[in-house]
Amino acid sequence: MVTAGPALPDAHRARRVAERVPDPELPMLTLADLGVLRDVETRADGTVVASLTPTYSGCPAMAEMRADVAARLRAAGYARVEIRTVLDPPWTSDWITESGRRKLAEHGIAPPGRAPRGPVPLVLSPTRPAVPCPRCGSRETEETSRFAATSCKALWRCRACREPFEYVKEI
């Protein structure tokens, strides 16, 4: 009589579990929406390995993200969980999904534009991206503070509807 060995964890199911973990700073987004969940794989010994890329070096939310992904995978029945930090290639705001961009706007946060590519030109005068208001869509907006509740966001105000809003910076 042949007995089956332990079944490998279902990598697709483990990925679905990890994809649903909310970002601790932008809870309307999942880590998959934000683009920080890079990979979920299973090893022959049953270990689930999830790979995360921080949005920027020293991101204080990274420890929380790692703990949340590990806790959710363990709660889903995966006893062996390893969380890896992947730094290359570095995260870019271009990795935020279209669904994630829509969710940001729906919650009053302006999503980032596309990150610059290639050499960055030297500009001696201040530059200002055209940041549309996530509430009314007007481009008549102004930056009020380069930093908001987190380093990856700035504070803006709409001159048309007069509402303040946060803006996720391009990286």
N, C-alpha and C. Protein backbone atom coordinates (compact mmCIF):
# COMPACT_ATOMS: atom_id res chain seq x y z
N MET A 1 0.84 -1.17 0.00
CA MET A 1 0.00 0.00 0.00
C MET A 1 0.89 1.24 0.00
N VAL A 2 0.57 2.18 -0.89
CA VAL A 2 1.34 3.42 -1.00
C VAL A 2 0.60 4.51 -0.24
N THR A 3 1.32 5.19 0.60
CA THR A 3 0.69 6.31 1.31
C THR A 3 1.26 7.61 0.74
N ALA A 4 0.41 8.55 0.63
CA ALA A 4 0.83 9.85 0.09
C ALA A 4 1.60 10.62 1.15
N GLY A 5 2.63 11.29 0.72
CA GLY A 5 3.39 12.15 1.62
C GLY A 5 2.61 13.44 1.85
N PRO A 6 3.20 14.32 2.64
CA PRO A 6 2.49 15.57 2.90
C PRO A 6 2.34 16.37 1.61
N ALA A 7 1.15 16.90 1.41
CA ALA A 7 0.88 17.69 0.21
C ALA A 7 1.58 19.04 0.32
N LEU A 8 2.12 19.48 -0.80
CA LEU A 8 2.73 20.81 -0.81
C LEU A 8 1.64 21.86 -0.65
N PRO A 9 1.95 22.92 0.06
CA PRO A 9 0.94 23.99 0.14
C PRO A 9 0.61 24.51 -1.25
N ASP A 10 -0.60 24.85 -1.44
CA ASP A 10 -1.05 25.37 -2.72
C ASP A 10 -0.52 26.79 -2.88
N ALA A 11 0.43 26.97 -3.78
CA ALA A 11 1.06 28.28 -3.97
C ALA A 11 0.05 29.34 -4.40
N HIS A 12 -0.93 28.94 -5.19
CA HIS A 12 -1.93 29.91 -5.64
C HIS A 12 -2.78 30.38 -4.46
N ARG A 13 -3.16 29.47 -3.59
CA ARG A 13 -3.95 29.84 -2.42
C ARG A 13 -3.13 30.73 -1.48
N ALA A 14 -1.86 30.38 -1.27
CA ALA A 14 -1.00 31.19 -0.41
C ALA A 14 -0.85 32.59 -1.00
N ARG A 15 -0.72 32.69 -2.30
CA ARG A 15 -0.60 34.00 -2.95
C ARG A 15 -1.86 34.81 -2.74
N ARG A 16 -3.02 34.17 -2.88
CA ARG A 16 -4.29 34.90 -2.68
C ARG A 16 -4.39 35.42 -1.26
N VAL A 17 -3.94 34.65 -0.29
CA VAL A 17 -3.95 35.10 1.11
C VAL A 17 -3.05 36.32 1.26
N ALA A 18 -1.83 36.25 0.75
CA ALA A 18 -0.88 37.36 0.89
C ALA A 18 -1.34 38.59 0.13
N GLU A 19 -1.96 38.40 -1.02
CA GLU A 19 -2.43 39.54 -1.83
C GLU A 19 -3.50 40.36 -1.13
N ARG A 20 -4.18 39.78 -0.18
CA ARG A 20 -5.28 40.49 0.50
C ARG A 20 -4.84 41.26 1.74
N VAL A 21 -3.57 41.21 2.09
CA VAL A 21 -3.08 41.91 3.29
C VAL A 21 -3.09 43.41 3.01
N PRO A 22 -3.77 44.20 3.88
CA PRO A 22 -3.81 45.65 3.65
C PRO A 22 -2.49 46.33 4.02
N ASP A 23 -2.21 47.42 3.34
CA ASP A 23 -1.05 48.24 3.67
C ASP A 23 -1.33 48.93 5.00
N PRO A 24 -0.37 48.95 5.93
CA PRO A 24 -0.63 49.57 7.24
C PRO A 24 -0.80 51.08 7.19
N GLU A 25 -0.23 51.75 6.20
CA GLU A 25 -0.35 53.20 6.11
C GLU A 25 -1.46 53.66 5.17
N LEU A 26 -1.79 52.85 4.20
CA LEU A 26 -2.85 53.14 3.24
C LEU A 26 -3.79 51.94 3.22
N PRO A 27 -4.60 51.76 4.26
CA PRO A 27 -5.38 50.52 4.41
C PRO A 27 -6.44 50.27 3.34
N MET A 28 -6.70 51.26 2.49
CA MET A 28 -7.63 51.02 1.38
C MET A 28 -6.95 50.21 0.28
N LEU A 29 -5.61 50.08 0.37
CA LEU A 29 -4.84 49.30 -0.60
C LEU A 29 -4.35 48.01 0.02
N THR A 30 -4.26 46.98 -0.79
CA THR A 30 -3.59 45.76 -0.36
C THR A 30 -2.12 45.89 -0.73
N LEU A 31 -1.29 45.02 -0.19
CA LEU A 31 0.12 45.02 -0.56
C LEU A 31 0.29 44.71 -2.04
N ALA A 32 -0.63 43.94 -2.61
CA ALA A 32 -0.60 43.67 -4.05
C ALA A 32 -0.95 44.93 -4.83
N ASP A 33 -1.98 45.69 -4.39
CA ASP A 33 -2.33 46.95 -5.04
C ASP A 33 -1.15 47.91 -5.05
N LEU A 34 -0.44 47.96 -3.93
CA LEU A 34 0.69 48.87 -3.78
C LEU A 34 1.92 48.42 -4.56
N GLY A 35 1.95 47.14 -4.91
CA GLY A 35 3.07 46.61 -5.69
C GLY A 35 4.26 46.19 -4.85
N VAL A 36 4.09 46.10 -3.53
CA VAL A 36 5.21 45.68 -2.68
C VAL A 36 5.27 44.16 -2.51
N LEU A 37 4.18 43.46 -2.76
CA LEU A 37 4.19 41.99 -2.72
C LEU A 37 4.76 41.52 -4.06
N ARG A 38 5.98 41.01 -4.03
CA ARG A 38 6.67 40.66 -5.26
C ARG A 38 6.41 39.22 -5.69
N ASP A 39 6.41 38.31 -4.71
CA ASP A 39 6.30 36.90 -5.09
C ASP A 39 5.85 36.10 -3.88
N VAL A 40 5.17 35.00 -4.15
CA VAL A 40 4.83 34.01 -3.13
C VAL A 40 5.12 32.66 -3.75
N GLU A 41 5.95 31.88 -3.07
CA GLU A 41 6.31 30.56 -3.59
C GLU A 41 6.27 29.55 -2.46
N THR A 42 6.28 28.28 -2.82
CA THR A 42 6.33 27.23 -1.82
C THR A 42 7.55 26.36 -2.08
N ARG A 43 8.13 25.89 -1.01
CA ARG A 43 9.27 24.98 -1.09
C ARG A 43 8.78 23.55 -0.89
N ALA A 44 9.62 22.61 -1.23
CA ALA A 44 9.27 21.20 -1.09
C ALA A 44 9.01 20.82 0.36
N ASP A 45 9.63 21.53 1.32
CA ASP A 45 9.42 21.21 2.73
C ASP A 45 8.14 21.83 3.30
N GLY A 46 7.36 22.51 2.43
CA GLY A 46 6.10 23.10 2.88
C GLY A 46 6.20 24.55 3.30
N THR A 47 7.38 25.13 3.27
CA THR A 47 7.55 26.53 3.65
C THR A 47 6.99 27.44 2.56
N VAL A 48 6.21 28.42 2.99
CA VAL A 48 5.71 29.45 2.09
C VAL A 48 6.66 30.64 2.23
N VAL A 49 7.19 31.10 1.11
CA VAL A 49 8.11 32.23 1.09
C VAL A 49 7.44 33.39 0.36
N ALA A 50 7.23 34.48 1.08
CA ALA A 50 6.65 35.69 0.49
C ALA A 50 7.75 36.74 0.40
N SER A 51 7.86 37.38 -0.76
CA SER A 51 8.88 38.39 -0.98
C SER A 51 8.23 39.76 -1.08
N LEU A 52 8.76 40.71 -0.31
CA LEU A 52 8.25 42.08 -0.28
C LEU A 52 9.36 43.06 -0.64
N THR A 53 9.01 44.14 -1.30
CA THR A 53 9.95 45.21 -1.61
C THR A 53 9.44 46.48 -0.92
N PRO A 54 10.27 47.11 -0.09
CA PRO A 54 9.82 48.35 0.58
C PRO A 54 9.64 49.47 -0.43
N THR A 55 8.74 50.38 -0.12
CA THR A 55 8.50 51.51 -1.02
C THR A 55 9.70 52.44 -1.07
N TYR A 56 10.45 52.51 0.02
CA TYR A 56 11.69 53.27 0.01
C TYR A 56 12.57 52.76 1.14
N SER A 57 13.86 53.03 1.04
CA SER A 57 14.82 52.56 2.04
C SER A 57 14.46 53.11 3.41
N GLY A 58 14.38 52.24 4.38
CA GLY A 58 14.06 52.67 5.74
C GLY A 58 12.58 52.85 6.00
N CYS A 59 11.72 52.37 5.13
CA CYS A 59 10.27 52.52 5.31
C CYS A 59 9.87 51.91 6.65
N PRO A 60 9.31 52.71 7.57
CA PRO A 60 8.96 52.18 8.88
C PRO A 60 7.80 51.19 8.87
N ALA A 61 7.03 51.16 7.81
CA ALA A 61 5.90 50.23 7.73
C ALA A 61 6.33 48.83 7.35
N MET A 62 7.58 48.65 6.94
CA MET A 62 8.05 47.35 6.45
C MET A 62 7.92 46.26 7.51
N ALA A 63 8.28 46.56 8.75
CA ALA A 63 8.18 45.55 9.82
C ALA A 63 6.73 45.11 10.00
N GLU A 64 5.82 46.06 9.95
CA GLU A 64 4.39 45.74 10.07
C GLU A 64 3.91 44.90 8.89
N MET A 65 4.34 45.24 7.69
CA MET A 65 3.96 44.47 6.49
C MET A 65 4.42 43.02 6.62
N ARG A 66 5.68 42.85 7.02
CA ARG A 66 6.23 41.50 7.16
C ARG A 66 5.43 40.70 8.19
N ALA A 67 5.16 41.32 9.33
CA ALA A 67 4.41 40.64 10.40
C ALA A 67 2.99 40.31 9.95
N ASP A 68 2.34 41.24 9.25
CA ASP A 68 0.96 41.01 8.80
C ASP A 68 0.87 39.88 7.78
N VAL A 69 1.80 39.84 6.83
CA VAL A 69 1.79 38.77 5.83
C VAL A 69 2.02 37.42 6.51
N ALA A 70 3.01 37.37 7.40
CA ALA A 70 3.30 36.11 8.11
C ALA A 70 2.10 35.66 8.93
N ALA A 71 1.46 36.59 9.65
CA ALA A 71 0.31 36.24 10.48
C ALA A 71 -0.86 35.74 9.64
N ARG A 72 -1.13 36.39 8.52
CA ARG A 72 -2.24 35.96 7.67
C ARG A 72 -1.99 34.59 7.06
N LEU A 73 -0.75 34.34 6.65
CA LEU A 73 -0.43 33.02 6.09
C LEU A 73 -0.54 31.93 7.15
N ARG A 74 -0.05 32.21 8.35
CA ARG A 74 -0.17 31.22 9.44
C ARG A 74 -1.63 30.98 9.79
N ALA A 75 -2.43 32.03 9.83
CA ALA A 75 -3.86 31.89 10.14
C ALA A 75 -4.57 31.08 9.06
N ALA A 76 -4.05 31.09 7.84
CA ALA A 76 -4.64 30.33 6.75
C ALA A 76 -4.18 28.87 6.74
N GLY A 77 -3.34 28.50 7.72
CA GLY A 77 -2.94 27.11 7.86
C GLY A 77 -1.53 26.78 7.40
N TYR A 78 -0.76 27.76 7.04
CA TYR A 78 0.63 27.53 6.63
C TYR A 78 1.52 27.66 7.85
N ALA A 79 2.06 26.53 8.30
CA ALA A 79 2.85 26.51 9.54
C ALA A 79 4.23 27.12 9.36
N ARG A 80 4.82 26.89 8.21
CA ARG A 80 6.17 27.41 7.95
C ARG A 80 6.07 28.59 6.98
N VAL A 81 6.46 29.75 7.48
CA VAL A 81 6.37 30.97 6.67
C VAL A 81 7.69 31.72 6.78
N GLU A 82 8.18 32.17 5.65
CA GLU A 82 9.38 33.01 5.60
C GLU A 82 9.05 34.25 4.79
N ILE A 83 9.42 35.40 5.31
CA ILE A 83 9.21 36.65 4.60
C ILE A 83 10.57 37.20 4.20
N ARG A 84 10.74 37.45 2.92
CA ARG A 84 12.00 37.97 2.41
C ARG A 84 11.82 39.42 1.98
N THR A 85 12.87 40.19 2.16
CA THR A 85 12.89 41.56 1.66
C THR A 85 13.73 41.57 0.40
N VAL A 86 13.14 42.05 -0.68
CA VAL A 86 13.82 42.12 -1.98
C VAL A 86 14.05 43.59 -2.31
N LEU A 87 15.32 43.96 -2.50
CA LEU A 87 15.66 45.35 -2.76
C LEU A 87 15.99 45.65 -4.23
N ASP A 88 16.18 44.61 -5.02
CA ASP A 88 16.56 44.82 -6.41
C ASP A 88 15.63 44.04 -7.32
N PRO A 89 14.92 44.69 -8.21
CA PRO A 89 14.95 46.12 -8.46
C PRO A 89 14.19 46.88 -7.38
N PRO A 90 14.56 48.14 -7.18
CA PRO A 90 13.86 48.93 -6.16
C PRO A 90 12.42 49.21 -6.58
N TRP A 91 11.57 49.37 -5.58
CA TRP A 91 10.16 49.68 -5.81
C TRP A 91 10.04 51.02 -6.51
N THR A 92 9.03 51.14 -7.34
CA THR A 92 8.68 52.41 -7.97
C THR A 92 7.17 52.59 -7.85
N SER A 93 6.74 53.83 -7.78
CA SER A 93 5.30 54.10 -7.69
C SER A 93 4.57 53.62 -8.94
N ASP A 94 5.30 53.33 -10.02
CA ASP A 94 4.68 52.76 -11.21
C ASP A 94 4.12 51.36 -10.94
N TRP A 95 4.57 50.71 -9.88
CA TRP A 95 4.08 49.37 -9.54
C TRP A 95 2.70 49.39 -8.88
N ILE A 96 2.20 50.55 -8.51
CA ILE A 96 0.84 50.62 -7.97
C ILE A 96 -0.11 50.25 -9.10
N THR A 97 -0.99 49.31 -8.84
CA THR A 97 -1.89 48.82 -9.89
C THR A 97 -2.93 49.88 -10.23
N GLU A 98 -3.59 49.69 -11.37
CA GLU A 98 -4.68 50.61 -11.75
C GLU A 98 -5.79 50.56 -10.71
N SER A 99 -6.07 49.38 -10.19
CA SER A 99 -7.06 49.25 -9.12
C SER A 99 -6.62 50.03 -7.89
N GLY A 100 -5.33 49.96 -7.55
CA GLY A 100 -4.80 50.71 -6.41
C GLY A 100 -4.91 52.20 -6.62
N ARG A 101 -4.61 52.67 -7.82
CA ARG A 101 -4.72 54.10 -8.14
C ARG A 101 -6.17 54.57 -8.01
N ARG A 102 -7.09 53.74 -8.48
CA ARG A 102 -8.51 54.08 -8.37
C ARG A 102 -8.94 54.15 -6.91
N LYS A 103 -8.50 53.18 -6.10
CA LYS A 103 -8.85 53.16 -4.68
C LYS A 103 -8.31 54.39 -3.95
N LEU A 104 -7.08 54.81 -4.28
CA LEU A 104 -6.53 56.02 -3.67
C LEU A 104 -7.42 57.22 -3.97
N ALA A 105 -7.76 57.40 -5.24
CA ALA A 105 -8.60 58.53 -5.64
C ALA A 105 -9.97 58.47 -4.98
N GLU A 106 -10.55 57.27 -4.88
CA GLU A 106 -11.85 57.11 -4.23
C GLU A 106 -11.81 57.50 -2.75
N HIS A 107 -10.63 57.44 -2.15
CA HIS A 107 -10.47 57.78 -0.74
C HIS A 107 -9.86 59.18 -0.56
N GLY A 108 -9.90 59.98 -1.62
CA GLY A 108 -9.46 61.36 -1.52
C GLY A 108 -7.96 61.57 -1.53
N ILE A 109 -7.20 60.58 -1.99
CA ILE A 109 -5.75 60.69 -2.07
C ILE A 109 -5.37 60.66 -3.55
N ALA A 110 -4.66 61.69 -4.00
CA ALA A 110 -4.26 61.73 -5.41
C ALA A 110 -3.18 60.69 -5.67
N PRO A 111 -3.42 59.80 -6.64
CA PRO A 111 -2.40 58.80 -6.96
C PRO A 111 -1.22 59.45 -7.66
N PRO A 112 -0.06 58.81 -7.61
CA PRO A 112 1.11 59.40 -8.26
C PRO A 112 1.00 59.34 -9.78
N GLY A 113 1.70 60.27 -10.42
CA GLY A 113 1.87 60.18 -11.86
C GLY A 113 2.93 59.13 -12.14
N ARG A 114 3.35 59.03 -13.37
CA ARG A 114 4.39 58.08 -13.73
C ARG A 114 5.75 58.60 -13.27
N ALA A 115 6.56 57.70 -12.75
CA ALA A 115 7.90 58.08 -12.27
C ALA A 115 8.78 58.45 -13.46
N PRO A 116 9.69 59.41 -13.26
CA PRO A 116 10.57 59.80 -14.36
C PRO A 116 11.50 58.66 -14.76
N ARG A 117 11.85 58.59 -16.04
CA ARG A 117 12.74 57.57 -16.57
C ARG A 117 14.00 58.24 -17.10
N GLY A 118 15.08 57.51 -17.07
CA GLY A 118 16.31 58.00 -17.65
C GLY A 118 16.96 59.09 -16.81
N PRO A 119 17.89 59.81 -17.40
CA PRO A 119 18.56 60.87 -16.65
C PRO A 119 17.56 61.94 -16.19
N VAL A 120 17.74 62.41 -14.98
CA VAL A 120 16.87 63.45 -14.45
C VAL A 120 17.51 64.79 -14.77
N PRO A 121 16.79 65.66 -15.49
CA PRO A 121 17.40 66.94 -15.86
C PRO A 121 17.59 67.83 -14.64
N LEU A 122 18.66 68.62 -14.67
CA LEU A 122 18.93 69.58 -13.61
C LEU A 122 18.06 70.80 -13.84
N VAL A 123 17.22 71.10 -12.89
CA VAL A 123 16.33 72.25 -12.97
C VAL A 123 16.58 73.10 -11.74
N LEU A 124 16.93 74.37 -11.95
CA LEU A 124 17.26 75.24 -10.82
C LEU A 124 16.05 75.95 -10.23
N SER A 125 14.96 75.98 -10.94
CA SER A 125 13.75 76.59 -10.40
C SER A 125 12.82 75.49 -9.93
N PRO A 126 11.93 75.78 -8.98
CA PRO A 126 11.02 74.74 -8.49
C PRO A 126 10.11 74.24 -9.62
N THR A 127 9.90 72.95 -9.62
CA THR A 127 8.96 72.37 -10.58
C THR A 127 7.74 71.89 -9.82
N ARG A 128 6.63 71.91 -10.46
CA ARG A 128 5.39 71.50 -9.81
C ARG A 128 4.63 70.59 -10.76
N PRO A 129 4.41 69.34 -10.35
CA PRO A 129 3.62 68.46 -11.21
C PRO A 129 2.17 68.92 -11.23
N ALA A 130 1.49 68.62 -12.29
CA ALA A 130 0.05 68.90 -12.35
C ALA A 130 -0.65 67.78 -11.59
N VAL A 131 -1.09 68.07 -10.38
CA VAL A 131 -1.75 67.07 -9.54
C VAL A 131 -3.24 67.35 -9.54
N PRO A 132 -4.02 66.52 -10.21
CA PRO A 132 -5.46 66.77 -10.21
C PRO A 132 -6.09 66.46 -8.85
N CYS A 133 -7.09 67.23 -8.50
CA CYS A 133 -7.82 67.01 -7.24
C CYS A 133 -8.56 65.68 -7.33
N PRO A 134 -8.41 64.81 -6.34
CA PRO A 134 -9.12 63.52 -6.39
C PRO A 134 -10.62 63.67 -6.14
N ARG A 135 -11.05 64.83 -5.69
CA ARG A 135 -12.48 65.03 -5.42
C ARG A 135 -13.22 65.63 -6.62
N CYS A 136 -12.68 66.71 -7.20
CA CYS A 136 -13.40 67.38 -8.29
C CYS A 136 -12.69 67.28 -9.63
N GLY A 137 -11.43 66.83 -9.64
CA GLY A 137 -10.69 66.66 -10.88
C GLY A 137 -9.97 67.90 -11.37
N SER A 138 -10.13 69.02 -10.71
CA SER A 138 -9.48 70.26 -11.14
C SER A 138 -7.97 70.13 -11.05
N ARG A 139 -7.27 70.76 -11.98
CA ARG A 139 -5.81 70.82 -11.94
C ARG A 139 -5.35 72.12 -11.29
N GLU A 140 -6.27 72.91 -10.81
CA GLU A 140 -5.94 74.14 -10.09
C GLU A 140 -5.67 73.78 -8.63
N THR A 141 -4.50 73.20 -8.40
CA THR A 141 -4.13 72.73 -7.06
C THR A 141 -2.78 73.31 -6.67
N GLU A 142 -2.50 73.27 -5.37
CA GLU A 142 -1.22 73.76 -4.87
C GLU A 142 -0.72 72.89 -3.74
N GLU A 143 0.59 72.74 -3.68
CA GLU A 143 1.21 71.99 -2.59
C GLU A 143 1.25 72.89 -1.36
N THR A 144 0.81 72.34 -0.23
CA THR A 144 0.87 73.11 1.02
C THR A 144 1.98 72.61 1.94
N SER A 145 2.37 71.35 1.80
CA SER A 145 3.49 70.80 2.56
C SER A 145 4.08 69.64 1.79
N ARG A 146 5.39 69.59 1.69
CA ARG A 146 6.07 68.51 0.97
C ARG A 146 5.91 67.17 1.68
N PHE A 147 5.60 67.21 2.97
CA PHE A 147 5.45 65.97 3.73
C PHE A 147 4.09 65.93 4.41
N ALA A 148 3.52 64.72 4.45
CA ALA A 148 2.21 64.51 5.08
C ALA A 148 2.40 63.53 6.23
N ALA A 149 1.38 62.72 6.48
CA ALA A 149 1.43 61.77 7.59
C ALA A 149 2.55 60.74 7.42
N THR A 150 2.92 60.46 6.17
CA THR A 150 4.04 59.56 5.90
C THR A 150 4.96 60.25 4.90
N SER A 151 6.21 59.84 4.85
CA SER A 151 7.19 60.48 3.97
C SER A 151 6.87 60.33 2.50
N CYS A 152 6.08 59.33 2.15
CA CYS A 152 5.78 59.09 0.74
C CYS A 152 4.60 59.92 0.24
N LYS A 153 4.04 60.77 1.09
CA LYS A 153 2.91 61.60 0.68
C LYS A 153 3.20 63.08 0.95
N ALA A 154 2.50 63.95 0.22
CA ALA A 154 2.58 65.40 0.40
C ALA A 154 1.16 65.91 0.60
N LEU A 155 1.04 67.11 1.18
CA LEU A 155 -0.28 67.73 1.36
C LEU A 155 -0.52 68.75 0.26
N TRP A 156 -1.70 68.69 -0.32
CA TRP A 156 -2.11 69.61 -1.39
C TRP A 156 -3.48 70.17 -1.07
N ARG A 157 -3.84 71.25 -1.78
CA ARG A 157 -5.17 71.86 -1.64
C ARG A 157 -5.66 72.21 -3.03
N CYS A 158 -6.95 72.01 -3.23
CA CYS A 158 -7.59 72.34 -4.50
C CYS A 158 -8.08 73.79 -4.43
N ARG A 159 -7.72 74.57 -5.42
CA ARG A 159 -8.19 75.97 -5.47
C ARG A 159 -9.63 76.06 -5.95
N ALA A 160 -10.11 75.04 -6.67
CA ALA A 160 -11.47 75.06 -7.20
C ALA A 160 -12.50 74.68 -6.12
N CYS A 161 -12.33 73.50 -5.50
CA CYS A 161 -13.31 73.06 -4.49
C CYS A 161 -12.85 73.39 -3.07
N ARG A 162 -11.60 73.87 -2.94
CA ARG A 162 -11.02 74.33 -1.69
C ARG A 162 -10.77 73.22 -0.67
N GLU A 163 -10.81 71.97 -1.13
CA GLU A 163 -10.59 70.83 -0.23
C GLU A 163 -9.11 70.46 -0.18
N PRO A 164 -8.61 70.13 1.01
CA PRO A 164 -7.24 69.60 1.11
C PRO A 164 -7.23 68.12 0.73
N PHE A 165 -6.08 67.65 0.28
CA PHE A 165 -5.94 66.22 -0.02
C PHE A 165 -4.48 65.83 0.06
N GLU A 166 -4.26 64.52 0.23
CA GLU A 166 -2.90 63.99 0.22
C GLU A 166 -2.57 63.52 -1.19
N TYR A 167 -1.29 63.50 -1.49
CA TYR A 167 -0.80 63.10 -2.80
C TYR A 167 0.34 62.11 -2.58
N VAL A 168 0.27 60.92 -3.20
CA VAL A 168 1.35 59.94 -3.12
C VAL A 168 2.41 60.37 -4.14
N LYS A 169 3.64 60.57 -3.66
CA LYS A 169 4.72 61.07 -4.51
C LYS A 169 5.22 59.98 -5.47
N GLU A 170 5.69 60.43 -6.64
CA GLU A 170 6.32 59.51 -7.58
C GLU A 170 7.69 59.15 -7.05
N ILE A 171 8.01 57.90 -7.15
CA ILE A 171 9.35 57.44 -6.76
C ILE A 171 9.88 56.58 -7.89
